[in-house]
Each structure stands twice: as structure tokens, then as C-alpha cells.
């Protein structure tokens, strides 16, 4: 029986090929643990794009997220006080 990559197309194929190459999070959907979150040491968010929407779980028992747009190289502070910074994804850079 042939492997599933031979029959996959589109985004499904892209995901399978990325996973086969060792990327277990090809669409950057995993939860990122906050770092210190200060202005001097913000939580780093990677992306191949110039901007990215993120959600901050401000309190451990929160039922909602605080959504915000990050833009490359512009640190942004969440309402809860934590800082985030968007940088180029490793091995990537931006889209053309």
C-alpha cells in the first residue's frame, strides 16, 4: 500500500512533507510559553510574515484570551503587562 503522501494534495501534502522533514509544528499552532515578558526580554514569537495575530492567556484560570496583532520588530504590551515581539522564523525570513 502506498504511503499517504503519494495521495495527499494541497495543504495536507504540505503538512505531511513538513512533518517528514522533522517539523512537528508546520503551521506554528503550538502554545508558546511566555518568557519573562518584560520590555527588555519580551516573549519572542516567530513568523515568516510581517504581522501575526496572537492570543495571550493573561491569567492561568482565564476562560478567554486577549487577542492582539503583532508587527515585526515592534514590541507590544498586552493588557496584562506582558510584552511580546515578532521576529523572523528560523531559516525563513518573510514572504516576497
C-alpha atoms as a PDB file:
ATOM      1  CA  UNK A   1       0.000   0.000   0.000  1.00  0.00           C
ATOM      2  CA  UNK A   2       1.479   3.405  -0.977  1.00  0.00           C
ATOM      3  CA  UNK A   3       2.174   5.984   1.691  1.00  0.00           C
ATOM      4  CA  UNK A   4      -0.303   8.782   2.256  1.00  0.00           C
ATOM      5  CA  UNK A   5       1.989  11.469   0.805  1.00  0.00           C
ATOM      6  CA  UNK A   6       1.528   9.968  -2.654  1.00  0.00           C
ATOM      7  CA  UNK A   7      -2.212  10.644  -2.431  1.00  0.00           C
ATOM      8  CA  UNK A   8      -2.194  13.904  -0.487  1.00  0.00           C
ATOM      9  CA  UNK A   9      -2.645  17.260  -2.188  1.00  0.00           C
ATOM     10  CA  UNK A  10      -2.620  20.901  -1.187  1.00  0.00           C
ATOM     11  CA  UNK A  11      -2.229  21.840   2.437  1.00  0.00           C
ATOM     12  CA  UNK A  12      -2.484  18.202   3.569  1.00  0.00           C
ATOM     13  CA  UNK A  13       0.542  17.325   1.437  1.00  0.00           C
ATOM     14  CA  UNK A  14       2.431  20.374   2.706  1.00  0.00           C
ATOM     15  CA  UNK A  15       1.816  19.275   6.300  1.00  0.00           C
ATOM     16  CA  UNK A  16       2.882  15.673   5.660  1.00  0.00           C
ATOM     17  CA  UNK A  17       6.070  16.749   3.875  1.00  0.00           C
ATOM     18  CA  UNK A  18       6.953  19.170   6.677  1.00  0.00           C
ATOM     19  CA  UNK A  19       6.415  16.502   9.324  1.00  0.00           C
ATOM     20  CA  UNK A  20       8.512  14.027   7.320  1.00  0.00           C
ATOM     21  CA  UNK A  21      11.294  16.647   7.239  1.00  0.00           C
ATOM     22  CA  UNK A  22      11.192  16.911  11.035  1.00  0.00           C
ATOM     23  CA  UNK A  23       8.935  19.953  11.514  1.00  0.00           C
ATOM     24  CA  UNK A  24       6.321  18.800  14.031  1.00  0.00           C
ATOM     25  CA  UNK A  25       4.570  22.214  14.023  1.00  0.00           C
ATOM     26  CA  UNK A  26       4.464  23.290  10.352  1.00  0.00           C
ATOM     27  CA  UNK A  27       1.688  25.842  10.864  1.00  0.00           C
ATOM     28  CA  UNK A  28       3.026  27.257  14.155  1.00  0.00           C
ATOM     29  CA  UNK A  29      -0.071  26.256  16.111  1.00  0.00           C
ATOM     30  CA  UNK A  30       1.580  25.026  19.318  1.00  0.00           C
ATOM     31  CA  UNK A  31       1.153  27.000  22.509  1.00  0.00           C
ATOM     32  CA  UNK A  32       4.174  29.178  23.265  1.00  0.00           C
ATOM     33  CA  UNK A  33       5.076  29.524  26.927  1.00  0.00           C
ATOM     34  CA  UNK A  34       5.588  33.119  27.984  1.00  0.00           C
ATOM     35  CA  UNK A  35       9.132  34.158  28.810  1.00  0.00           C
ATOM     36  CA  UNK A  36       9.877  36.918  31.312  1.00  0.00           C
ATOM     37  CA  UNK A  37       7.625  39.150  29.254  1.00  0.00           C
ATOM     38  CA  UNK A  38       9.382  42.388  30.125  1.00  0.00           C
ATOM     39  CA  UNK A  39      10.164  45.156  27.647  1.00  0.00           C
ATOM     40  CA  UNK A  40      13.845  44.176  27.834  1.00  0.00           C
ATOM     41  CA  UNK A  41      13.086  40.431  27.492  1.00  0.00           C
ATOM     42  CA  UNK A  42       9.773  40.042  25.643  1.00  0.00           C
ATOM     43  CA  UNK A  43       8.256  36.701  24.729  1.00  0.00           C
ATOM     44  CA  UNK A  44       9.565  36.006  21.210  1.00  0.00           C
ATOM     45  CA  UNK A  45       7.013  34.972  18.582  1.00  0.00           C
ATOM     46  CA  UNK A  46       8.340  33.753  15.216  1.00  0.00           C
ATOM     47  CA  UNK A  47       6.622  34.123  11.874  1.00  0.00           C
ATOM     48  CA  UNK A  48       7.548  34.236   8.184  1.00  0.00           C
ATOM     49  CA  UNK A  49       5.025  37.103   7.827  1.00  0.00           C
ATOM     50  CA  UNK A  50       5.307  40.790   8.742  1.00  0.00           C
ATOM     51  CA  UNK A  51       2.438  40.533  11.217  1.00  0.00           C
ATOM     52  CA  UNK A  52       0.723  37.831  13.224  1.00  0.00           C
ATOM     53  CA  UNK A  53      -2.333  37.642  15.454  1.00  0.00           C
ATOM     54  CA  UNK A  54      -1.649  36.110  18.857  1.00  0.00           C
ATOM     55  CA  UNK A  55      -3.721  35.355  21.917  1.00  0.00           C
ATOM     56  CA  UNK A  56      -2.463  35.913  25.458  1.00  0.00           C
ATOM     57  CA  UNK A  57      -3.908  33.852  28.296  1.00  0.00           C
ATOM     58  CA  UNK A  58      -3.445  36.598  30.846  1.00  0.00           C
ATOM     59  CA  UNK A  59      -4.315  34.524  33.914  1.00  0.00           C
ATOM     60  CA  UNK A  60      -3.858  30.800  34.459  1.00  0.00           C
ATOM     61  CA  UNK A  61      -7.569  30.197  35.095  1.00  0.00           C
ATOM     62  CA  UNK A  62      -8.816  32.620  32.407  1.00  0.00           C
ATOM     63  CA  UNK A  63     -11.656  31.449  30.183  1.00  0.00           C
ATOM     64  CA  UNK A  64     -10.839  33.839  27.355  1.00  0.00           C
ATOM     65  CA  UNK A  65      -7.782  35.114  25.516  1.00  0.00           C
ATOM     66  CA  UNK A  66      -6.726  38.657  24.849  1.00  0.00           C
ATOM     67  CA  UNK A  67      -6.124  38.825  21.072  1.00  0.00           C
ATOM     68  CA  UNK A  68      -3.701  41.303  19.536  1.00  0.00           C
ATOM     69  CA  UNK A  69      -1.797  41.888  16.299  1.00  0.00           C
ATOM     70  CA  UNK A  70       1.990  41.877  16.433  1.00  0.00           C
ATOM     71  CA  UNK A  71       4.124  43.554  13.777  1.00  0.00           C
ATOM     72  CA  UNK A  72       7.771  42.705  13.022  1.00  0.00           C
ATOM     73  CA  UNK A  73      10.320  44.315  15.307  1.00  0.00           C
ATOM     74  CA  UNK A  74       7.671  46.347  17.201  1.00  0.00           C
ATOM     75  CA  UNK A  75       7.364  45.022  20.765  1.00  0.00           C
ATOM     76  CA  UNK A  76       3.787  45.111  22.027  1.00  0.00           C
ATOM     77  CA  UNK A  77       2.418  45.051  25.560  1.00  0.00           C
ATOM     78  CA  UNK A  78      -0.667  43.015  26.438  1.00  0.00           C
ATOM     79  CA  UNK A  79      -3.297  44.487  28.761  1.00  0.00           C
ATOM     80  CA  UNK A  80      -1.975  42.156  31.490  1.00  0.00           C
ATOM     81  CA  UNK A  81       1.502  43.724  31.271  1.00  0.00           C
ATOM     82  CA  UNK A  82       3.426  41.030  29.351  1.00  0.00           C
ATOM     83  CA  UNK A  83       5.480  42.099  26.338  1.00  0.00           C
ATOM     84  CA  UNK A  84       5.718  40.208  23.021  1.00  0.00           C
ATOM     85  CA  UNK A  85       7.951  40.674  19.969  1.00  0.00           C
ATOM     86  CA  UNK A  86       7.548  39.245  16.462  1.00  0.00           C
ATOM     87  CA  UNK A  87      10.741  38.140  14.679  1.00  0.00           C
ATOM     88  CA  UNK A  88      11.599  36.185  11.522  1.00  0.00           C
ATOM     89  CA  UNK A  89      11.035  32.442  11.686  1.00  0.00           C
ATOM     90  CA  UNK A  90      14.286  30.415  11.792  1.00  0.00           C
ATOM     91  CA  UNK A  91      15.594  29.553   8.348  1.00  0.00           C
ATOM     92  CA  UNK A  92      12.947  31.676   6.731  1.00  0.00           C
ATOM     93  CA  UNK A  93      12.525  35.353   6.726  1.00  0.00           C
ATOM     94  CA  UNK A  94       9.488  36.879   5.147  1.00  0.00           C
ATOM     95  CA  UNK A  95       7.418  36.066   2.089  1.00  0.00           C
ATOM     96  CA  UNK A  96       8.105  38.040  -1.086  1.00  0.00           C
END
